[in-house]
Amino acid sequence: MFANGMFVATEFAYIAARRVRIERRVKSGSRAARIVLRAMDGLDRYIAASQLGITMASLALGFIGEPILAAVIEPPLVALIG
């Protein structure tokens, strides 16, 4: 779930970032702002990468969580249905 949250937060950060504010920081010499500005120029790729990360994290969560959830749900269902 942590990985999923990180990818979602990254996606929101890219969308919410104000280009003018980032450009101002680039002019003041911020290396991090320069990296973010470069990412904003290829925003479609970064959003797609975030979406892929969200999907992969969700699949991993399902792969790990399904056996645990099945072990909890199966006994009462078997008792109820027969």
PDB file of N, CA and C in Angstrom:
ATOM      1  N   MET A   1       0.823  -1.185   0.000  1.00  0.00           N
ATOM      2  CA  MET A   1       0.000   0.000   0.000  1.00  0.00           C
ATOM      3  C   MET A   1       0.873   1.257   0.000  1.00  0.00           C
ATOM      4  N   PHE A   2       2.020   1.161   0.654  1.00  0.00           N
ATOM      5  CA  PHE A   2       2.923   2.312   0.693  1.00  0.00           C
ATOM      6  C   PHE A   2       3.374   2.692  -0.715  1.00  0.00           C
ATOM      7  N   ALA A   3       3.762   1.694  -1.501  1.00  0.00           N
ATOM      8  CA  ALA A   3       4.223   1.965  -2.870  1.00  0.00           C
ATOM      9  C   ALA A   3       3.107   2.600  -3.688  1.00  0.00           C
ATOM     10  N   ASN A   4       1.901   2.092  -3.528  1.00  0.00           N
ATOM     11  CA  ASN A   4       0.752   2.644  -4.233  1.00  0.00           C
ATOM     12  C   ASN A   4       0.570   4.113  -3.877  1.00  0.00           C
ATOM     13  N   GLY A   5       0.645   4.412  -2.599  1.00  0.00           N
ATOM     14  CA  GLY A   5       0.507   5.788  -2.133  1.00  0.00           C
ATOM     15  C   GLY A   5       1.597   6.696  -2.678  1.00  0.00           C
ATOM     16  N   MET A   6       2.808   6.181  -2.762  1.00  0.00           N
ATOM     17  CA  MET A   6       3.913   6.988  -3.287  1.00  0.00           C
ATOM     18  C   MET A   6       3.702   7.334  -4.763  1.00  0.00           C
ATOM     19  N   PHE A   7       3.243   6.357  -5.550  1.00  0.00           N
ATOM     20  CA  PHE A   7       2.998   6.629  -6.964  1.00  0.00           C
ATOM     21  C   PHE A   7       1.851   7.620  -7.154  1.00  0.00           C
ATOM     22  N   VAL A   8       0.801   7.484  -6.360  1.00  0.00           N
ATOM     23  CA  VAL A   8      -0.323   8.421  -6.444  1.00  0.00           C
ATOM     24  C   VAL A   8       0.127   9.823  -6.042  1.00  0.00           C
ATOM     25  N   ALA A   9       0.897   9.918  -4.973  1.00  0.00           N
ATOM     26  CA  ALA A   9       1.390  11.226  -4.522  1.00  0.00           C
ATOM     27  C   ALA A   9       2.285  11.872  -5.579  1.00  0.00           C
ATOM     28  N   THR A  10       3.109  11.072  -6.226  1.00  0.00           N
ATOM     29  CA  THR A  10       3.972  11.588  -7.290  1.00  0.00           C
ATOM     30  C   THR A  10       3.143  12.129  -8.447  1.00  0.00           C
ATOM     31  N   GLU A  11       2.120  11.371  -8.819  1.00  0.00           N
ATOM     32  CA  GLU A  11       1.252  11.807  -9.912  1.00  0.00           C
ATOM     33  C   GLU A  11       0.565  13.133  -9.568  1.00  0.00           C
ATOM     34  N   PHE A  12       0.015  13.229  -8.376  1.00  0.00           N
ATOM     35  CA  PHE A  12      -0.640  14.473  -7.957  1.00  0.00           C
ATOM     36  C   PHE A  12       0.349  15.633  -7.908  1.00  0.00           C
ATOM     37  N   ALA A  13       1.555  15.371  -7.445  1.00  0.00           N
ATOM     38  CA  ALA A  13       2.560  16.434  -7.353  1.00  0.00           C
ATOM     39  C   ALA A  13       2.910  16.980  -8.731  1.00  0.00           C
ATOM     40  N   TYR A  14       3.063  16.100  -9.713  1.00  0.00           N
ATOM     41  CA  TYR A  14       3.369  16.569 -11.066  1.00  0.00           C
ATOM     42  C   TYR A  14       2.229  17.406 -11.632  1.00  0.00           C
ATOM     43  N   ILE A  15       1.003  16.987 -11.368  1.00  0.00           N
ATOM     44  CA  ILE A  15      -0.148  17.708 -11.902  1.00  0.00           C
ATOM     45  C   ILE A  15      -0.336  19.046 -11.190  1.00  0.00           C
ATOM     46  N   ALA A  16      -0.130  19.065  -9.884  1.00  0.00           N
ATOM     47  CA  ALA A  16      -0.406  20.262  -9.091  1.00  0.00           C
ATOM     48  C   ALA A  16       0.715  21.304  -9.139  1.00  0.00           C
ATOM     49  N   ALA A  17       1.900  20.911  -9.550  1.00  0.00           N
ATOM     50  CA  ALA A  17       3.036  21.841  -9.545  1.00  0.00           C
ATOM     51  C   ALA A  17       2.783  22.999 -10.510  1.00  0.00           C
ATOM     52  N   ARG A  18       3.090  24.186 -10.058  1.00  0.00           N
ATOM     53  CA  ARG A  18       2.927  25.375 -10.901  1.00  0.00           C
ATOM     54  C   ARG A  18       4.225  25.641 -11.649  1.00  0.00           C
ATOM     55  N   ARG A  19       4.128  25.632 -12.948  1.00  0.00           N
ATOM     56  CA  ARG A  19       5.308  25.783 -13.800  1.00  0.00           C
ATOM     57  C   ARG A  19       6.044  27.097 -13.528  1.00  0.00           C
ATOM     58  N   VAL A  20       5.307  28.175 -13.342  1.00  0.00           N
ATOM     59  CA  VAL A  20       5.926  29.486 -13.104  1.00  0.00           C
ATOM     60  C   VAL A  20       6.772  29.454 -11.836  1.00  0.00           C
ATOM     61  N   ARG A  21       6.243  28.826 -10.819  1.00  0.00           N
ATOM     62  CA  ARG A  21       6.964  28.734  -9.543  1.00  0.00           C
ATOM     63  C   ARG A  21       8.242  27.900  -9.705  1.00  0.00           C
ATOM     64  N   ILE A  22       8.143  26.812 -10.455  1.00  0.00           N
ATOM     65  CA  ILE A  22       9.304  25.946 -10.694  1.00  0.00           C
ATOM     66  C   ILE A  22      10.350  26.702 -11.513  1.00  0.00           C
ATOM     67  N   GLU A  23       9.902  27.422 -12.544  1.00  0.00           N
ATOM     68  CA  GLU A  23      10.839  28.192 -13.372  1.00  0.00           C
ATOM     69  C   GLU A  23      11.568  29.249 -12.548  1.00  0.00           C
ATOM     70  N   ARG A  24      10.857  29.857 -11.606  1.00  0.00           N
ATOM     71  CA  ARG A  24      11.485  30.852 -10.734  1.00  0.00           C
ATOM     72  C   ARG A  24      12.599  30.212  -9.908  1.00  0.00           C
ATOM     73  N   ARG A  25      12.346  29.008  -9.427  1.00  0.00           N
ATOM     74  CA  ARG A  25      13.369  28.313  -8.633  1.00  0.00           C
ATOM     75  C   ARG A  25      14.555  27.887  -9.491  1.00  0.00           C
ATOM     76  N   VAL A  26      14.281  27.539 -10.745  1.00  0.00           N
ATOM     77  CA  VAL A  26      15.376  27.195 -11.659  1.00  0.00           C
ATOM     78  C   VAL A  26      16.283  28.409 -11.845  1.00  0.00           C
ATOM     79  N   LYS A  27      15.675  29.579 -12.026  1.00  0.00           N
ATOM     80  CA  LYS A  27      16.453  30.811 -12.209  1.00  0.00           C
ATOM     81  C   LYS A  27      17.285  31.151 -10.978  1.00  0.00           C
ATOM     82  N   SER A  28      16.796  30.741  -9.802  1.00  0.00           N
ATOM     83  CA  SER A  28      17.564  31.007  -8.583  1.00  0.00           C
ATOM     84  C   SER A  28      18.629  29.940  -8.333  1.00  0.00           C
ATOM     85  N   GLY A  29      18.721  28.951  -9.239  1.00  0.00           N
ATOM     86  CA  GLY A  29      19.803  27.980  -9.159  1.00  0.00           C
ATOM     87  C   GLY A  29      19.459  26.641  -8.540  1.00  0.00           C
ATOM     88  N   SER A  30      18.197  26.349  -8.361  1.00  0.00           N
ATOM     89  CA  SER A  30      17.799  25.083  -7.744  1.00  0.00           C
ATOM     90  C   SER A  30      17.968  23.918  -8.718  1.00  0.00           C
ATOM     91  N   ARG A  31      18.804  22.981  -8.336  1.00  0.00           N
ATOM     92  CA  ARG A  31      19.028  21.789  -9.166  1.00  0.00           C
ATOM     93  C   ARG A  31      17.781  20.911  -9.186  1.00  0.00           C
ATOM     94  N   ALA A  32      17.123  20.771  -8.036  1.00  0.00           N
ATOM     95  CA  ALA A  32      15.904  19.963  -7.950  1.00  0.00           C
ATOM     96  C   ALA A  32      14.813  20.539  -8.850  1.00  0.00           C
ATOM     97  N   ALA A  33      14.685  21.859  -8.853  1.00  0.00           N
ATOM     98  CA  ALA A  33      13.680  22.503  -9.703  1.00  0.00           C
ATOM     99  C   ALA A  33      13.978  22.261 -11.177  1.00  0.00           C
ATOM    100  N   ARG A  34      15.245  22.230 -11.538  1.00  0.00           N
ATOM    101  CA  ARG A  34      15.630  21.954 -12.923  1.00  0.00           C
ATOM    102  C   ARG A  34      15.187  20.545 -13.325  1.00  0.00           C
ATOM    103  N   ILE A  35      15.348  19.597 -12.425  1.00  0.00           N
ATOM    104  CA  ILE A  35      14.929  18.217 -12.693  1.00  0.00           C
ATOM    105  C   ILE A  35      13.415  18.149 -12.844  1.00  0.00           C
ATOM    106  N   VAL A  36      12.699  18.833 -11.954  1.00  0.00           N
ATOM    107  CA  VAL A  36      11.234  18.843 -12.018  1.00  0.00           C
ATOM    108  C   VAL A  36      10.762  19.500 -13.312  1.00  0.00           C
ATOM    109  N   LEU A  37      11.392  20.587 -13.706  1.00  0.00           N
ATOM    110  CA  LEU A  37      11.010  21.278 -14.941  1.00  0.00           C
ATOM    111  C   LEU A  37      11.225  20.380 -16.154  1.00  0.00           C
ATOM    112  N   ARG A  38      12.321  19.651 -16.158  1.00  0.00           N
ATOM    113  CA  ARG A  38      12.578  18.697 -17.245  1.00  0.00           C
ATOM    114  C   ARG A  38      11.486  17.630 -17.276  1.00  0.00           C
ATOM    115  N   ALA A  39      11.068  17.181 -16.102  1.00  0.00           N
ATOM    116  CA  ALA A  39       9.993  16.187 -16.024  1.00  0.00           C
ATOM    117  C   ALA A  39       8.675  16.777 -16.521  1.00  0.00           C
ATOM    118  N   MET A  40       8.432  18.039 -16.208  1.00  0.00           N
ATOM    119  CA  MET A  40       7.190  18.684 -16.645  1.00  0.00           C
ATOM    120  C   MET A  40       7.126  18.814 -18.165  1.00  0.00           C
ATOM    121  N   ASP A  41       8.276  18.894 -18.808  1.00  0.00           N
ATOM    122  CA  ASP A  41       8.304  18.964 -20.271  1.00  0.00           C
ATOM    123  C   ASP A  41       7.865  17.643 -20.899  1.00  0.00           C
ATOM    124  N   GLY A  42       8.052  16.550 -20.207  1.00  0.00           N
ATOM    125  CA  GLY A  42       7.612  15.238 -20.682  1.00  0.00           C
ATOM    126  C   GLY A  42       6.563  14.660 -19.754  1.00  0.00           C
ATOM    127  N   LEU A  43       5.614  15.498 -19.360  1.00  0.00           N
ATOM    128  CA  LEU A  43       4.647  15.119 -18.331  1.00  0.00           C
ATOM    129  C   LEU A  43       3.867  13.855 -18.677  1.00  0.00           C
ATOM    130  N   ASP A  44       3.511  13.684 -19.941  1.00  0.00           N
ATOM    131  CA  ASP A  44       2.749  12.498 -20.337  1.00  0.00           C
ATOM    132  C   ASP A  44       3.475  11.209 -19.963  1.00  0.00           C
ATOM    133  N   ARG A  45       4.782  11.191 -20.186  1.00  0.00           N
ATOM    134  CA  ARG A  45       5.563   9.990 -19.862  1.00  0.00           C
ATOM    135  C   ARG A  45       5.606   9.741 -18.361  1.00  0.00           C
ATOM    136  N   TYR A  46       5.748  10.810 -17.580  1.00  0.00           N
ATOM    137  CA  TYR A  46       5.826  10.651 -16.133  1.00  0.00           C
ATOM    138  C   TYR A  46       4.484  10.236 -15.536  1.00  0.00           C
ATOM    139  N   ILE A  47       3.395  10.760 -16.086  1.00  0.00           N
ATOM    140  CA  ILE A  47       2.065  10.348 -15.633  1.00  0.00           C
ATOM    141  C   ILE A  47       1.847   8.880 -15.989  1.00  0.00           C
ATOM    142  N   ALA A  48       2.233   8.489 -17.197  1.00  0.00           N
ATOM    143  CA  ALA A  48       2.099   7.092 -17.614  1.00  0.00           C
ATOM    144  C   ALA A  48       2.931   6.179 -16.717  1.00  0.00           C
ATOM    145  N   ALA A  49       4.132   6.615 -16.372  1.00  0.00           N
ATOM    146  CA  ALA A  49       4.985   5.815 -15.482  1.00  0.00           C
ATOM    147  C   ALA A  49       4.359   5.698 -14.100  1.00  0.00           C
ATOM    148  N   SER A  50       3.761   6.778 -13.616  1.00  0.00           N
ATOM    149  CA  SER A  50       3.083   6.728 -12.316  1.00  0.00           C
ATOM    150  C   SER A  50       1.901   5.770 -12.367  1.00  0.00           C
ATOM    151  N   GLN A  51       1.137   5.819 -13.455  1.00  0.00           N
ATOM    152  CA  GLN A  51       0.000   4.911 -13.609  1.00  0.00           C
ATOM    153  C   GLN A  51       0.466   3.455 -13.660  1.00  0.00           C
ATOM    154  N   LEU A  52       1.561   3.211 -14.352  1.00  0.00           N
ATOM    155  CA  LEU A  52       2.114   1.857 -14.402  1.00  0.00           C
ATOM    156  C   LEU A  52       2.552   1.410 -13.011  1.00  0.00           C
ATOM    157  N   GLY A  53       3.188   2.306 -12.271  1.00  0.00           N
ATOM    158  CA  GLY A  53       3.595   1.988 -10.902  1.00  0.00           C
ATOM    159  C   GLY A  53       2.409   1.681 -10.008  1.00  0.00           C
ATOM    160  N   ILE A  54       1.335   2.462 -10.137  1.00  0.00           N
ATOM    161  CA  ILE A  54       0.118   2.220  -9.353  1.00  0.00           C
ATOM    162  C   ILE A  54      -0.452   0.848  -9.692  1.00  0.00           C
ATOM    163  N   THR A  55      -0.499   0.527 -10.983  1.00  0.00           N
ATOM    164  CA  THR A  55      -1.028  -0.767 -11.416  1.00  0.00           C
ATOM    165  C   THR A  55      -0.179  -1.914 -10.887  1.00  0.00           C
ATOM    166  N   MET A  56       1.138  -1.792 -11.005  1.00  0.00           N
ATOM    167  CA  MET A  56       2.024  -2.860 -10.533  1.00  0.00           C
ATOM    168  C   MET A  56       1.927  -3.036  -9.019  1.00  0.00           C
ATOM    169  N   ALA A  57       1.863  -1.931  -8.288  1.00  0.00           N
ATOM    170  CA  ALA A  57       1.739  -2.013  -6.831  1.00  0.00           C
ATOM    171  C   ALA A  57       0.410  -2.648  -6.441  1.00  0.00           C
ATOM    172  N   SER A  58      -0.655  -2.323  -7.161  1.00  0.00           N
ATOM    173  CA  SER A  58      -1.965  -2.910  -6.874  1.00  0.00           C
ATOM    174  C   SER A  58      -1.973  -4.405  -7.168  1.00  0.00           C
ATOM    175  N   LEU A  59      -1.346  -4.803  -8.269  1.00  0.00           N
ATOM    176  CA  LEU A  59      -1.254  -6.230  -8.588  1.00  0.00           C
ATOM    177  C   LEU A  59      -0.453  -6.983  -7.526  1.00  0.00           C
ATOM    178  N   ALA A  60       0.644  -6.392  -7.088  1.00  0.00           N
ATOM    179  CA  ALA A  60       1.455  -7.023  -6.042  1.00  0.00           C
ATOM    180  C   ALA A  60       0.665  -7.140  -4.746  1.00  0.00           C
ATOM    181  N   LEU A  61      -0.087  -6.099  -4.416  1.00  0.00           N
ATOM    182  CA  LEU A  61      -0.911  -6.133  -3.209  1.00  0.00           C
ATOM    183  C   LEU A  61      -1.953  -7.242  -3.298  1.00  0.00           C
ATOM    184  N   GLY A  62      -2.570  -7.390  -4.461  1.00  0.00           N
ATOM    185  CA  GLY A  62      -3.541  -8.466  -4.661  1.00  0.00           C
ATOM    186  C   GLY A  62      -2.894  -9.836  -4.588  1.00  0.00           C
ATOM    187  N   PHE A  63      -1.710  -9.969  -5.161  1.00  0.00           N
ATOM    188  CA  PHE A  63      -0.991 -11.241  -5.149  1.00  0.00           C
ATOM    189  C   PHE A  63      -0.653 -11.662  -3.722  1.00  0.00           C
ATOM    190  N   ILE A  64      -0.251 -10.697  -2.912  1.00  0.00           N
ATOM    191  CA  ILE A  64       0.108 -10.981  -1.521  1.00  0.00           C
ATOM    192  C   ILE A  64      -1.133 -11.103  -0.644  1.00  0.00           C
ATOM    193  N   GLY A  65      -2.108 -10.233  -0.866  1.00  0.00           N
ATOM    194  CA  GLY A  65      -3.273 -10.172   0.012  1.00  0.00           C
ATOM    195  C   GLY A  65      -4.332 -11.223  -0.240  1.00  0.00           C
ATOM    196  N   GLU A  66      -4.433 -11.731  -1.463  1.00  0.00           N
ATOM    197  CA  GLU A  66      -5.493 -12.687  -1.795  1.00  0.00           C
ATOM    198  C   GLU A  66      -5.457 -13.945  -0.936  1.00  0.00           C
ATOM    199  N   PRO A  67      -4.308 -14.606  -0.760  1.00  0.00           N
ATOM    200  CA  PRO A  67      -4.305 -15.809   0.078  1.00  0.00           C
ATOM    201  C   PRO A  67      -4.699 -15.517   1.531  1.00  0.00           C
ATOM    202  N   ILE A  68      -4.278 -14.382   2.031  1.00  0.00           N
ATOM    203  CA  ILE A  68      -4.607 -14.017   3.410  1.00  0.00           C
ATOM    204  C   ILE A  68      -6.102 -13.780   3.542  1.00  0.00           C
ATOM    205  N   LEU A  69      -6.659 -13.014   2.612  1.00  0.00           N
ATOM    206  CA  LEU A  69      -8.092 -12.728   2.645  1.00  0.00           C
ATOM    207  C   LEU A  69      -8.908 -13.996   2.430  1.00  0.00           C
ATOM    208  N   ALA A  70      -8.462 -14.867   1.540  1.00  0.00           N
ATOM    209  CA  ALA A  70      -9.166 -16.126   1.296  1.00  0.00           C
ATOM    210  C   ALA A  70      -9.177 -16.996   2.545  1.00  0.00           C
ATOM    211  N   ALA A  71      -8.079 -17.022   3.284  1.00  0.00           N
ATOM    212  CA  ALA A  71      -8.015 -17.823   4.513  1.00  0.00           C
ATOM    213  C   ALA A  71      -8.986 -17.308   5.567  1.00  0.00           C
ATOM    214  N   VAL A  72      -9.247 -16.019   5.559  1.00  0.00           N
ATOM    215  CA  VAL A  72     -10.174 -15.430   6.529  1.00  0.00           C
ATOM    216  C   VAL A  72     -11.623 -15.638   6.099  1.00  0.00           C
ATOM    217  N   ILE A  73     -11.900 -15.493   4.820  1.00  0.00           N
ATOM    218  CA  ILE A  73     -13.278 -15.535   4.325  1.00  0.00           C
ATOM    219  C   ILE A  73     -13.774 -16.951   4.050  1.00  0.00           C
ATOM    220  N   GLU A  74     -12.901 -17.832   3.606  1.00  0.00           N
ATOM    221  CA  GLU A  74     -13.326 -19.161   3.168  1.00  0.00           C
ATOM    222  C   GLU A  74     -14.000 -19.993   4.257  1.00  0.00           C
ATOM    223  N   PRO A  75     -13.445 -20.127   5.467  1.00  0.00           N
ATOM    224  CA  PRO A  75     -14.100 -20.980   6.468  1.00  0.00           C
ATOM    225  C   PRO A  75     -15.550 -20.584   6.787  1.00  0.00           C
ATOM    226  N   PRO A  76     -15.855 -19.308   7.020  1.00  0.00           N
ATOM    227  CA  PRO A  76     -17.264 -18.976   7.270  1.00  0.00           C
ATOM    228  C   PRO A  76     -18.169 -19.242   6.064  1.00  0.00           C
ATOM    229  N   LEU A  77     -17.657 -19.024   4.857  1.00  0.00           N
ATOM    230  CA  LEU A  77     -18.466 -19.288   3.670  1.00  0.00           C
ATOM    231  C   LEU A  77     -18.726 -20.777   3.493  1.00  0.00           C
ATOM    232  N   VAL A  78     -17.719 -21.599   3.740  1.00  0.00           N
ATOM    233  CA  VAL A  78     -17.892 -23.048   3.641  1.00  0.00           C
ATOM    234  C   VAL A  78     -18.904 -23.514   4.679  1.00  0.00           C
ATOM    235  N   ALA A  79     -18.831 -22.971   5.886  1.00  0.00           N
ATOM    236  CA  ALA A  79     -19.785 -23.334   6.935  1.00  0.00           C
ATOM    237  C   ALA A  79     -21.197 -22.887   6.571  1.00  0.00           C
ATOM    238  N   LEU A  80     -21.325 -21.753   5.942  1.00  0.00           N
ATOM    239  CA  LEU A  80     -22.630 -21.211   5.579  1.00  0.00           C
ATOM    240  C   LEU A  80     -23.235 -21.931   4.382  1.00  0.00           C
ATOM    241  N   ILE A  81     -22.427 -22.154   3.355  1.00  0.00           N
ATOM    242  CA  ILE A  81     -22.926 -22.739   2.111  1.00  0.00           C
ATOM    243  C   ILE A  81     -22.868 -24.263   2.143  1.00  0.00           C
ATOM    244  N   GLY A  82     -21.837 -24.781   2.749  1.00  0.00           N
ATOM    245  CA  GLY A  82     -21.736 -26.229   2.858  1.00  0.00           C
ATOM    246  C   GLY A  82     -20.722 -26.822   2.046  1.00  0.00           C
TER     247      GLY A  82
END
